[in-house]
Amino acid sequence: MEAALQSSPAAAAPASVRQPAPRNIAIDAYRGLVMLLMMAEVFQLSRVAQAFPASRFWSFLAYHQTHVAWAGCSLHDTIQPGFSFLVGVALPYSIANRLAKGGAFGRMLGHALWRALLLVALGILLRSLDSPQTNFTFEDTLTQIGLGYPLLFLLAFRPPKWQAIALAAILVGYWLAWSLYPVHGSASGHWVAVAPSWRHDYTGFAAHWNKYANLGIAFDQWFLNLFPRTQPFAFNGGGYLTLSFIPTLGTMILGLFAGQWLRAAAPRIPMRRLLTAGAIGIAAGLLFHFTGICPVIKRIWTPSWTLFSGGICFLFLAAFSWILDVRGYRKWAFPLVVVGMNSIAAYLIAHLWERFIVDSFRINLGERFFRVLGAGLEPLLRGIAVLLVYWLFLFWMYRRKIFLRM
């Protein structure tokens, strides 16, 4: 019994990992920002910008509340990588707390598998709300994280060297698989024609990452049609793919590095490491993009997107850590912490409550209540009110220490 325990990954974990982990407020605040950006979709800034077509201000805000058409990045595009990255950041803290409470590796692994299953199931459930039957699709944020989470958990018990090797294998292997897949025209019928107005196709080597003409869409046209559907799957309108969970795992591994650095350096902040990792990630992603080796495309989560967006996440984490922990400015972040400490609840609220709240406003306040500043700003004012309701409910949960966990 004793020998078996000593040979387990949990027993082999460093003593610092087995010590209880104090809560990192910077992580909660960063997670709160990510969730707030997602919930703020209720502002409908694209509609506001359409009402003021000559305004660069509204156009700028609308751009950063929508996903770019294909290659590139807006603020809105950083939401999903931020959420995924923070899963990796939080994992060392979670494992340390469970080990400190006497958790056995086998039991923790079972919990990790259960959590992964719940995330996948919840993602499918939310995607099925407006469907006549279960919509088996796996490109949602929760399903993508769930598919990669068990491997992330196992990697958390391996030395950083092995984690780095796994990251390199994921990114290089995924890039190689896409590079070897034939470009459209020789894809054995998997190619789907894009709309005539589409202006984002690549030529040459980068064409391996064109919309509807890549390895990922070919896989989904086989895999997703194994499930019962109202009609055969042909393509996802946004270009999103099941296989993106593989490079998304790379994003979570980058977060795992950050979490381990924060834990090892505590109470100091490894600012140089975070900033260096951020700069390298952004530079590498841009280098691969502009050389045509691999475009930076969030919708299909290219390896260069993993590096580029991961670099942005490192910089966000560094900024929050510097402001909250180094400079000690914490009070301003409380609204974010309220959201960040209940991220699953915030995710569910944003996906399930909007219609109910909007209808309640319309029924009880009247059709024109939010037109006080004109029809153009009506979506924004209504969205602010909806977001305030979201936050007040999360604050109520925070005050009563009600936190949804998986």
Protein backbone atom coordinates (compact mmCIF):
# COMPACT_ATOMS: atom_id res chain seq x y z
CA MET A 1 0.00 0.00 0.00
CA GLU A 2 2.75 2.45 0.97
CA ALA A 3 4.83 1.56 -2.08
CA ALA A 4 1.85 2.02 -4.36
CA LEU A 5 1.18 5.44 -2.87
CA GLN A 6 4.78 6.53 -3.30
CA SER A 7 4.75 5.55 -6.96
CA SER A 8 1.58 7.52 -7.73
CA PRO A 9 1.75 10.90 -9.52
CA ALA A 10 0.12 12.56 -6.53
CA ALA A 11 2.80 11.35 -4.16
CA ALA A 12 5.49 12.34 -6.64
CA ALA A 13 4.19 15.90 -6.83
CA PRO A 14 6.53 18.54 -5.34
CA ALA A 15 5.90 19.56 -1.74
CA SER A 16 4.94 23.07 -2.87
CA VAL A 17 2.17 21.57 -5.01
CA ARG A 18 0.83 19.58 -2.05
CA GLN A 19 0.51 22.72 0.08
CA PRO A 20 -2.84 24.57 0.15
CA ALA A 21 -2.98 27.33 -2.45
CA PRO A 22 -4.15 30.80 -1.39
CA ARG A 23 -6.72 32.30 -3.75
CA ASN A 24 -5.23 34.41 -6.51
CA ILE A 25 -7.46 37.48 -6.95
CA ALA A 26 -5.75 38.48 -10.20
CA ILE A 27 -6.90 35.22 -11.78
CA ASP A 28 -10.46 35.82 -10.59
CA ALA A 29 -10.42 39.39 -11.91
CA TYR A 30 -9.07 38.35 -15.31
CA ARG A 31 -11.67 35.58 -15.53
CA GLY A 32 -14.29 38.15 -14.56
CA LEU A 33 -13.23 40.40 -17.44
CA VAL A 34 -13.46 37.50 -19.89
CA MET A 35 -16.94 36.59 -18.73
CA LEU A 36 -18.06 40.22 -18.65
CA LEU A 37 -16.98 40.67 -22.27
CA MET A 38 -19.04 37.63 -23.16
CA MET A 39 -22.10 38.79 -21.22
CA ALA A 40 -21.77 42.29 -22.71
CA GLU A 41 -22.89 40.91 -26.06
CA VAL A 42 -26.32 42.12 -24.91
CA PHE A 43 -25.12 45.67 -25.71
CA GLN A 44 -25.61 44.84 -29.41
CA LEU A 45 -23.03 47.39 -30.44
CA SER A 46 -23.23 46.28 -34.07
CA ARG A 47 -26.83 47.50 -34.18
CA VAL A 48 -25.83 50.77 -32.55
CA ALA A 49 -23.05 51.23 -35.12
CA GLN A 50 -25.54 50.63 -37.95
CA ALA A 51 -27.69 53.42 -36.53
CA PHE A 52 -24.69 55.79 -36.63
CA PRO A 53 -22.83 54.77 -39.81
CA ALA A 54 -20.67 57.92 -39.84
CA SER A 55 -19.38 57.42 -36.30
CA ARG A 56 -15.90 55.92 -36.01
CA PHE A 57 -16.41 55.60 -32.26
CA TRP A 58 -19.36 53.21 -32.54
CA SER A 59 -17.74 51.43 -35.47
CA PHE A 60 -14.62 50.79 -33.37
CA LEU A 61 -16.65 49.45 -30.44
CA ALA A 62 -18.76 47.27 -32.74
CA TYR A 63 -15.64 45.80 -34.35
CA HIS A 64 -14.30 44.74 -30.98
CA GLN A 65 -17.59 43.14 -29.97
CA THR A 66 -17.69 40.85 -32.99
CA HIS A 67 -15.45 38.08 -34.26
CA VAL A 68 -13.32 38.95 -37.26
CA ALA A 69 -14.47 37.33 -40.48
CA TRP A 70 -11.45 35.02 -40.73
CA ALA A 71 -7.84 35.96 -40.02
CA GLY A 72 -6.93 38.59 -37.44
CA CYS A 73 -8.15 39.44 -33.96
CA SER A 74 -10.62 41.69 -32.17
CA LEU A 75 -11.14 42.05 -28.43
CA HIS A 76 -14.12 39.72 -28.74
CA ASP A 77 -11.86 37.06 -30.23
CA THR A 78 -9.84 36.96 -27.00
CA ILE A 79 -12.79 35.70 -24.91
CA GLN A 80 -12.58 31.99 -25.71
CA PRO A 81 -8.78 31.74 -25.52
CA GLY A 82 -8.88 33.70 -22.26
CA PHE A 83 -11.42 31.29 -20.78
CA SER A 84 -9.40 28.28 -21.97
CA PHE A 85 -6.08 29.75 -20.81
CA LEU A 86 -7.49 30.40 -17.34
CA VAL A 87 -8.58 26.78 -17.03
CA GLY A 88 -4.90 25.90 -17.24
CA VAL A 89 -3.88 28.70 -14.86
CA ALA A 90 -6.33 27.56 -12.20
CA LEU A 91 -5.48 23.85 -12.40
CA PRO A 92 -2.29 23.92 -10.23
CA TYR A 93 -4.24 25.76 -7.52
CA SER A 94 -7.08 23.25 -7.70
CA ILE A 95 -4.73 20.25 -7.54
CA ALA A 96 -2.79 21.75 -4.62
CA ASN A 97 -5.98 22.27 -2.63
CA ARG A 98 -7.22 18.75 -3.30
CA LEU A 99 -3.86 17.20 -2.39
CA ALA A 100 -3.72 19.27 0.81
CA LYS A 101 -7.10 17.79 1.77
CA GLY A 102 -5.76 14.27 1.31
CA GLY A 103 -7.10 13.70 -2.20
CA ALA A 104 -5.81 10.56 -3.93
CA PHE A 105 -4.71 10.69 -7.56
CA GLY A 106 -7.26 8.12 -8.68
CA ARG A 107 -10.11 10.01 -7.13
CA MET A 108 -8.91 13.30 -8.63
CA LEU A 109 -8.58 11.68 -12.05
CA GLY A 110 -12.14 10.39 -11.77
CA HIS A 111 -13.29 13.91 -10.88
CA ALA A 112 -11.40 15.31 -13.87
CA LEU A 113 -13.08 12.83 -16.21
CA TRP A 114 -16.49 13.60 -14.69
CA ARG A 115 -15.86 17.34 -15.05
CA ALA A 116 -14.86 16.88 -18.68
CA LEU A 117 -18.03 14.88 -19.38
CA LEU A 118 -20.19 17.53 -17.72
CA LEU A 119 -18.56 20.32 -19.72
CA VAL A 120 -19.14 18.49 -23.01
CA ALA A 121 -22.73 17.64 -22.08
CA LEU A 122 -23.49 21.19 -20.95
CA GLY A 123 -22.05 22.62 -24.15
CA ILE A 124 -24.23 20.30 -26.25
CA LEU A 125 -27.29 21.12 -24.12
CA LEU A 126 -26.85 24.87 -24.61
CA ARG A 127 -26.40 24.39 -28.36
CA SER A 128 -29.61 22.36 -28.47
CA LEU A 129 -31.93 24.91 -26.87
CA ASP A 130 -33.47 26.06 -30.16
CA SER A 131 -33.23 22.69 -31.92
CA PRO A 132 -36.02 20.14 -32.44
CA GLN A 133 -33.64 17.46 -31.12
CA THR A 134 -30.24 17.18 -29.49
CA ASN A 135 -27.72 19.14 -31.54
CA PHE A 136 -24.53 17.13 -31.30
CA THR A 137 -21.89 19.73 -31.96
CA PHE A 138 -18.51 20.12 -30.31
CA GLU A 139 -17.18 23.54 -31.29
CA ASP A 140 -18.66 25.31 -28.26
CA THR A 141 -16.25 26.75 -25.66
CA LEU A 142 -17.35 24.29 -22.97
CA THR A 143 -17.15 21.21 -25.18
CA GLN A 144 -13.74 22.24 -26.52
CA ILE A 145 -12.39 22.59 -22.99
CA GLY A 146 -14.05 19.36 -21.86
CA LEU A 147 -12.54 17.31 -24.69
CA GLY A 148 -9.01 18.35 -23.77
CA TYR A 149 -9.31 18.61 -20.00
CA PRO A 150 -8.40 15.00 -19.02
CA LEU A 151 -5.07 15.23 -20.85
CA LEU A 152 -4.42 18.65 -19.32
CA PHE A 153 -5.02 17.14 -15.87
CA LEU A 154 -2.54 14.33 -16.53
CA LEU A 155 0.06 16.77 -17.84
CA ALA A 156 -0.24 18.81 -14.64
CA PHE A 157 1.47 15.92 -12.82
CA ARG A 158 4.37 15.74 -15.26
CA PRO A 159 7.55 17.87 -15.20
CA PRO A 160 7.54 21.11 -17.22
CA LYS A 161 9.84 19.48 -19.77
CA TRP A 162 7.17 16.93 -20.65
CA GLN A 163 4.50 19.60 -20.73
CA ALA A 164 6.59 21.59 -23.21
CA ILE A 165 7.13 18.49 -25.35
CA ALA A 166 3.38 17.84 -25.34
CA LEU A 167 2.67 21.43 -26.37
CA ALA A 168 5.19 21.25 -29.23
CA ALA A 169 3.82 17.89 -30.37
CA ILE A 170 0.25 19.22 -30.39
CA LEU A 171 1.04 22.37 -32.35
CA VAL A 172 3.54 20.88 -34.80
CA GLY A 173 1.54 17.69 -35.31
CA TYR A 174 -1.69 19.60 -35.89
CA TRP A 175 0.02 21.98 -38.31
CA LEU A 176 1.57 19.07 -40.18
CA ALA A 177 -1.75 17.22 -40.48
CA TRP A 178 -3.41 20.29 -42.01
CA SER A 179 -0.43 20.95 -44.26
CA LEU A 180 -0.56 17.46 -45.71
CA TYR A 181 -4.31 17.51 -46.33
CA PRO A 182 -5.10 18.38 -49.98
CA VAL A 183 -6.35 21.88 -50.69
CA HIS A 184 -9.84 22.24 -52.18
CA GLY A 185 -10.28 20.89 -55.68
CA SER A 186 -8.65 17.61 -54.70
CA ALA A 187 -10.44 17.07 -51.39
CA SER A 188 -12.66 14.22 -52.58
CA GLY A 189 -15.92 16.12 -52.36
CA HIS A 190 -15.38 17.61 -48.89
CA TRP A 191 -15.04 21.13 -50.22
CA VAL A 192 -18.01 23.45 -49.62
CA ALA A 193 -18.35 26.58 -51.73
CA VAL A 194 -18.21 29.85 -49.81
CA ALA A 195 -20.53 32.76 -50.52
CA PRO A 196 -19.68 34.85 -53.58
CA SER A 197 -19.02 37.84 -51.32
CA TRP A 198 -16.31 35.96 -49.40
CA ARG A 199 -12.95 37.72 -49.78
CA HIS A 200 -10.77 35.89 -47.29
CA ASP A 201 -9.45 32.87 -49.17
CA TYR A 202 -5.72 32.30 -49.38
CA THR A 203 -3.62 31.07 -52.29
CA GLY A 204 -0.46 29.03 -52.19
CA PHE A 205 0.53 27.10 -49.07
CA ALA A 206 -1.78 29.11 -46.78
CA ALA A 207 -4.77 27.75 -48.74
CA HIS A 208 -4.68 24.73 -46.44
CA TRP A 209 -6.43 26.97 -43.90
CA ASN A 210 -9.23 28.28 -46.13
CA LYS A 211 -12.81 28.20 -44.91
CA TYR A 212 -14.77 25.02 -45.70
CA ALA A 213 -11.76 23.54 -47.51
CA ASN A 214 -9.59 21.98 -44.86
CA LEU A 215 -8.94 18.90 -42.77
CA GLY A 216 -11.29 20.04 -40.01
CA ILE A 217 -14.39 20.33 -42.18
CA ALA A 218 -13.66 16.94 -43.76
CA PHE A 219 -13.48 15.39 -40.29
CA ASP A 220 -16.75 17.01 -39.18
CA GLN A 221 -18.56 15.90 -42.33
CA TRP A 222 -17.73 12.35 -41.25
CA PHE A 223 -17.81 12.59 -37.45
CA LEU A 224 -20.86 14.77 -36.86
CA ASN A 225 -22.95 12.68 -39.23
CA LEU A 226 -22.42 9.68 -36.96
CA PHE A 227 -24.95 11.32 -34.60
CA PRO A 228 -28.70 11.62 -35.21
CA ARG A 229 -29.48 14.90 -36.95
CA THR A 230 -32.47 16.62 -38.52
CA GLN A 231 -30.43 16.86 -41.70
CA PRO A 232 -26.92 15.77 -42.72
CA PHE A 233 -24.14 18.04 -41.48
CA ALA A 234 -22.39 19.88 -44.31
CA PHE A 235 -20.63 22.82 -42.65
CA ASN A 236 -20.70 25.23 -39.71
CA GLY A 237 -21.70 28.71 -40.76
CA GLY A 238 -18.89 30.33 -38.80
CA GLY A 239 -16.29 27.82 -39.92
CA TYR A 240 -15.89 26.41 -36.39
CA LEU A 241 -14.62 22.85 -36.02
CA THR A 242 -14.60 19.92 -33.61
CA LEU A 243 -10.87 19.30 -34.07
CA SER A 244 -10.11 22.76 -32.70
CA PHE A 245 -10.11 21.17 -29.24
CA ILE A 246 -6.59 19.90 -30.01
CA PRO A 247 -4.89 23.31 -30.39
CA THR A 248 -7.25 24.62 -27.68
CA LEU A 249 -5.54 22.12 -25.40
CA GLY A 250 -2.33 23.92 -26.38
CA THR A 251 -3.85 27.15 -25.08
CA MET A 252 -4.73 25.43 -21.80
CA ILE A 253 -1.17 24.10 -21.50
CA LEU A 254 0.15 27.66 -21.86
CA GLY A 255 -2.17 28.59 -19.00
CA LEU A 256 -0.84 25.63 -17.02
CA PHE A 257 2.67 27.05 -17.36
CA ALA A 258 1.46 30.43 -16.11
CA GLY A 259 -0.33 28.89 -13.13
CA GLN A 260 2.74 26.87 -12.17
CA TRP A 261 4.97 29.94 -12.41
CA LEU A 262 2.61 31.94 -10.20
CA ARG A 263 2.42 29.15 -7.62
CA ALA A 264 6.18 28.59 -7.55
CA ALA A 265 7.04 32.29 -7.24
CA ALA A 266 4.33 33.24 -4.69
CA PRO A 267 4.08 35.70 -3.06
CA ARG A 268 6.23 37.30 -5.77
CA ILE A 269 4.88 37.75 -9.29
CA PRO A 270 7.04 36.22 -12.07
CA MET A 271 6.49 39.35 -14.14
CA ARG A 272 9.50 38.85 -16.41
CA ARG A 273 8.40 35.32 -17.31
CA LEU A 274 4.83 36.37 -18.02
CA LEU A 275 5.87 39.33 -20.16
CA THR A 276 8.51 37.34 -22.02
CA ALA A 277 6.07 34.51 -22.74
CA GLY A 278 3.51 37.04 -23.94
CA ALA A 279 5.94 38.76 -26.28
CA ILE A 280 7.27 35.49 -27.69
CA GLY A 281 3.78 34.10 -28.26
CA ILE A 282 2.55 37.18 -30.11
CA ALA A 283 5.75 37.51 -32.16
CA ALA A 284 5.77 33.82 -33.13
CA GLY A 285 2.11 33.89 -34.14
CA LEU A 286 2.60 36.97 -36.30
CA LEU A 287 5.77 35.54 -37.84
CA PHE A 288 3.99 32.37 -38.93
CA HIS A 289 1.05 34.43 -40.18
CA PHE A 290 2.92 36.92 -42.33
CA THR A 291 5.31 34.33 -43.76
CA GLY A 292 2.32 32.25 -44.88
CA ILE A 293 3.40 29.25 -42.82
CA CYS A 294 0.20 29.29 -40.79
CA PRO A 295 -2.38 32.13 -40.68
CA VAL A 296 -3.67 33.48 -37.36
CA ILE A 297 -7.31 32.32 -37.47
CA LYS A 298 -9.39 32.01 -34.32
CA ARG A 299 -12.40 30.31 -35.92
CA ILE A 300 -10.39 27.19 -36.76
CA TRP A 301 -7.86 27.72 -33.94
CA THR A 302 -4.71 27.43 -36.01
CA PRO A 303 -1.45 26.69 -34.15
CA SER A 304 -0.34 30.25 -34.86
CA TRP A 305 -3.58 31.45 -33.21
CA THR A 306 -2.73 29.34 -30.16
CA LEU A 307 0.61 31.13 -29.88
CA PHE A 308 -0.70 34.61 -30.72
CA SER A 309 -3.76 34.50 -28.46
CA GLY A 310 -1.76 32.73 -25.75
CA GLY A 311 0.69 35.63 -25.82
CA ILE A 312 -2.20 38.06 -25.34
CA CYS A 313 -3.45 36.00 -22.39
CA PHE A 314 -0.02 36.09 -20.75
CA LEU A 315 -0.01 39.88 -21.06
CA PHE A 316 -3.52 40.20 -19.63
CA LEU A 317 -2.54 38.02 -16.68
CA ALA A 318 0.63 40.04 -16.17
CA ALA A 319 -1.33 43.29 -16.22
CA PHE A 320 -3.88 42.09 -13.67
CA SER A 321 -1.13 40.65 -11.46
CA TRP A 322 0.86 43.90 -11.59
CA ILE A 323 -2.11 46.16 -10.82
CA LEU A 324 -3.70 44.00 -8.11
CA ASP A 325 -0.74 42.26 -6.49
CA VAL A 326 2.30 44.45 -7.17
CA ARG A 327 0.65 47.87 -6.94
CA GLY A 328 -2.06 46.74 -4.54
CA TYR A 329 -4.94 48.45 -6.34
CA ARG A 330 -7.71 45.95 -5.61
CA LYS A 331 -10.96 47.71 -4.82
CA TRP A 332 -11.72 48.61 -8.43
CA ALA A 333 -11.60 44.93 -9.42
CA PHE A 334 -14.39 43.82 -7.08
CA PRO A 335 -17.13 43.83 -9.79
CA LEU A 336 -14.90 41.59 -11.92
CA VAL A 337 -14.10 39.26 -9.03
CA VAL A 338 -17.82 38.79 -8.35
CA VAL A 339 -18.20 37.50 -11.92
CA GLY A 340 -14.91 35.64 -12.10
CA MET A 341 -15.51 33.57 -8.98
CA ASN A 342 -18.74 32.23 -10.50
CA SER A 343 -17.78 31.81 -14.14
CA ILE A 344 -19.98 28.76 -14.81
CA ALA A 345 -23.00 30.56 -13.37
CA ALA A 346 -22.15 33.63 -15.47
CA TYR A 347 -21.86 31.47 -18.60
CA LEU A 348 -25.25 29.87 -17.99
CA ILE A 349 -26.93 33.18 -17.16
CA ALA A 350 -25.66 34.76 -20.38
CA HIS A 351 -26.99 31.87 -22.46
CA LEU A 352 -30.30 31.27 -20.69
CA TRP A 353 -31.62 34.50 -19.20
CA GLU A 354 -31.39 37.20 -21.86
CA ARG A 355 -34.72 36.55 -23.54
CA PHE A 356 -36.59 36.26 -20.23
CA ILE A 357 -35.14 39.54 -18.89
CA VAL A 358 -35.71 41.45 -22.13
CA ASP A 359 -39.31 40.22 -22.30
CA SER A 360 -39.83 41.19 -18.66
CA PHE A 361 -38.58 44.72 -19.36
CA ARG A 362 -40.87 45.01 -22.39
CA ILE A 363 -43.94 43.72 -20.55
CA ASN A 364 -43.47 45.72 -17.36
CA LEU A 365 -41.76 48.90 -18.58
CA GLY A 366 -43.29 49.25 -22.03
CA GLU A 367 -42.00 49.04 -25.59
CA ARG A 368 -40.38 52.50 -25.64
CA PHE A 369 -38.79 52.65 -22.20
CA PHE A 370 -35.20 52.33 -23.48
CA ARG A 371 -35.69 54.83 -26.32
CA VAL A 372 -35.18 57.78 -23.99
CA LEU A 373 -32.00 58.70 -25.93
CA GLY A 374 -33.38 57.72 -29.31
CA ALA A 375 -33.94 54.49 -31.22
CA GLY A 376 -30.27 54.24 -32.17
CA LEU A 377 -29.11 53.83 -28.57
CA GLU A 378 -32.04 51.68 -27.48
CA PRO A 379 -30.15 48.35 -27.83
CA LEU A 380 -27.27 49.69 -25.74
CA LEU A 381 -29.42 51.04 -22.91
CA ARG A 382 -31.47 47.86 -22.80
CA GLY A 383 -28.26 45.80 -22.82
CA ILE A 384 -26.82 47.80 -19.92
CA ALA A 385 -29.96 47.08 -17.91
CA VAL A 386 -29.79 43.36 -18.74
CA LEU A 387 -26.11 43.19 -17.80
CA LEU A 388 -26.85 44.94 -14.51
CA VAL A 389 -29.46 42.28 -13.71
CA TYR A 390 -26.88 39.58 -14.52
CA TRP A 391 -24.33 41.16 -12.20
CA LEU A 392 -26.75 41.77 -9.34
CA PHE A 393 -27.74 38.12 -9.33
CA LEU A 394 -24.07 37.06 -9.34
CA PHE A 395 -23.46 39.51 -6.49
CA TRP A 396 -26.34 37.90 -4.58
CA MET A 397 -24.69 34.51 -5.09
CA TYR A 398 -21.31 35.95 -4.04
CA ARG A 399 -22.70 37.40 -0.81
CA ARG A 400 -24.24 34.05 0.06
CA LYS A 401 -21.14 32.11 -0.98
CA ILE A 402 -23.02 30.19 -3.67
CA PHE A 403 -20.51 29.14 -6.31
CA LEU A 404 -21.24 26.66 -9.10
CA ARG A 405 -18.46 24.10 -9.40
CA MET A 406 -17.88 21.11 -11.63
